[in-house]
Each structure stands twice: as C-alpha cells, then as structure tokens.
Protein backbone atom coordinates (compact mmCIF):
# COMPACT_ATOMS: atom_id res chain seq x y z
CA MET A 1 130.60 62.61 95.71
CA ILE A 2 131.91 64.34 92.28
CA LYS A 3 128.32 63.51 90.54
CA ILE A 4 126.23 65.73 93.85
CA PHE A 5 129.11 68.46 93.19
CA SER A 6 128.82 68.08 89.12
CA ASN A 7 124.67 68.57 89.55
CA HIS A 8 125.07 71.85 91.28
CA LEU A 9 128.43 72.96 88.93
CA SER A 10 125.73 72.03 85.76
CA PHE A 11 122.59 73.47 87.15
CA ASP A 12 120.69 70.21 86.57
CA ARG A 13 119.72 70.28 90.23
CA MET A 14 118.46 73.79 92.12
CA ILE A 15 119.85 74.67 95.44
CA ALA A 16 117.56 77.59 95.91
CA ILE A 17 114.86 75.93 98.32
CA PRO A 18 117.48 74.64 100.95
CA VAL A 19 119.03 78.44 100.73
CA ILE A 20 115.65 80.07 100.78
CA LYS A 21 114.89 77.90 103.85
CA VAL A 22 117.74 78.95 105.94
CA LEU A 23 117.72 82.90 105.03
CA TYR A 24 113.83 82.30 106.29
CA TRP A 25 115.39 81.10 109.58
CA ILE A 26 117.61 84.24 109.93
CA GLY A 27 115.47 86.11 108.62
CA LEU A 28 112.45 85.10 110.79
CA ILE A 29 115.25 85.28 114.20
CA GLY A 30 116.20 87.78 113.43
CA GLY A 31 112.91 90.08 112.45
CA ALA A 32 111.51 88.96 116.06
CA VAL A 33 114.94 89.78 118.23
CA GLY A 34 114.10 92.95 116.23
CA GLY A 35 110.62 92.82 117.20
CA VAL A 36 111.00 92.90 120.63
CA VAL A 37 113.71 94.71 120.85
CA SER A 38 111.91 96.89 119.29
CA ALA A 39 108.72 96.99 121.45
CA ILE A 40 110.93 97.29 124.84
CA GLY A 41 112.57 100.66 123.57
CA GLY A 42 108.79 101.26 123.76
CA LEU A 43 108.26 100.58 126.86
CA GLY A 44 111.16 102.68 128.04
CA MET A 45 108.87 105.61 126.24
CA MET A 46 106.94 105.31 129.73
CA ARG A 47 109.16 107.57 131.71
CA TRP A 48 107.79 110.50 129.85
CA ASP A 49 104.17 109.40 128.82
CA ALA A 50 102.43 105.94 129.84
CA ALA A 51 99.97 106.01 127.05
CA ALA A 52 101.96 106.26 124.16
CA GLY A 53 105.15 103.82 125.89
CA VAL A 54 102.20 100.80 126.08
CA GLY A 55 100.21 102.18 122.76
CA THR A 56 103.89 102.22 120.89
CA PHE A 57 105.08 98.15 122.33
CA ILE A 58 101.35 97.15 121.44
CA VAL A 59 102.30 98.47 117.45
CA THR A 60 105.40 97.54 117.97
CA LEU A 61 104.34 93.53 118.36
CA ALA A 62 101.74 93.48 116.02
CA GLY A 63 104.11 94.99 113.30
CA THR A 64 106.65 92.63 114.16
CA ALA A 65 104.14 89.96 113.92
CA PHE A 66 102.58 90.91 110.96
CA GLY A 67 106.13 91.20 109.50
CA LEU A 68 106.98 87.96 110.34
CA LEU A 69 103.81 86.43 108.34
CA MET A 70 104.88 88.14 105.04
CA TRP A 71 108.63 87.22 105.15
CA ARG A 72 107.03 83.76 105.49
CA VAL A 73 104.88 84.52 103.13
CA ALA A 74 107.53 85.78 100.48
CA CYS A 75 109.72 82.71 101.24
CA GLU A 76 106.89 80.43 100.20
CA GLY A 77 106.73 82.33 97.14
CA MET A 78 109.98 81.77 95.94
CA ILE A 79 109.90 78.22 96.85
CA VAL A 80 106.93 78.15 94.70
CA VAL A 81 108.17 79.84 92.12
CA PHE A 82 111.33 76.64 91.98
CA GLY A 83 109.50 73.88 92.95
CA ILE A 84 107.08 74.86 89.63
CA HIS A 85 110.66 75.27 88.00
CA GLU A 86 111.15 71.85 89.35
CA ARG A 87 108.14 70.49 88.09
CA LEU A 88 107.83 71.81 84.49
CA GLY A 89 111.51 69.83 84.20
CA HIS A 90 110.02 66.82 85.15
CA VAL A 91 107.28 67.82 82.70
CA LYS A 92 109.69 68.07 79.35
CA ASP A 93 111.93 64.94 80.40
CA ALA A 94 108.47 63.18 79.89
CA LEU A 95 107.79 64.66 77.19
CA SER A 96 110.39 64.48 75.57
CA ARG A 97 110.34 60.64 76.39
CA GLN A 98 106.82 60.13 75.21
CA ALA A 99 108.12 61.58 72.01
CA SER A 100 110.94 59.14 71.55
CA ALA A 101 109.22 55.82 72.39
C-alpha cells in the first residue's frame, strides 16, 4: 500500500489518465443535461413563435451533439499526450538498460 503512494508521490506513475476519464464522464453528463434543458427551453419559445421554437430546439440538440463529440476528442487528445509521455519513459528505460549492458 505504501509503495502505491510512493509511486504517485515521486511522480513515477502518472494519475492523469484516470482523472481525465472521470472528468470526461462528468463533462459528458453535464453537457447532455445542459443541452436537453436548453432544448426544452427552446420549445418554450413556441408560445410566441412556433418556427423559432422548433428551430431553436433542433439547433440546440445539434450543437449539444457536436459539443459532446468535441469534448470526447479533447479528452482523447489529452490521453494521447500522456500516453506518449509514458511510452517515452519506457523507451528511455530500455535505452539506458541497453547502454549499460
């Protein structure tokens, strides 16, 4: 148990990837709820102008879908960067073992 904490405290092991995954789910749920609430608000405009209400509803849902897709791409990009960092560490270790052998 102490070894686990010592790896994290000495930055031998990165914790960013699990944190990014948790933040992804929080953002996904928050974005979806916000988008649905905004879309329903757009339907509320139908009392004054039916075409504007339906248009706002459709545009809001499309914007929400696009925003959630971009959130996924951004999180994947961060995971890729940290994955590259981890793999470069493995390459460095392999090269140092090869040089000492």
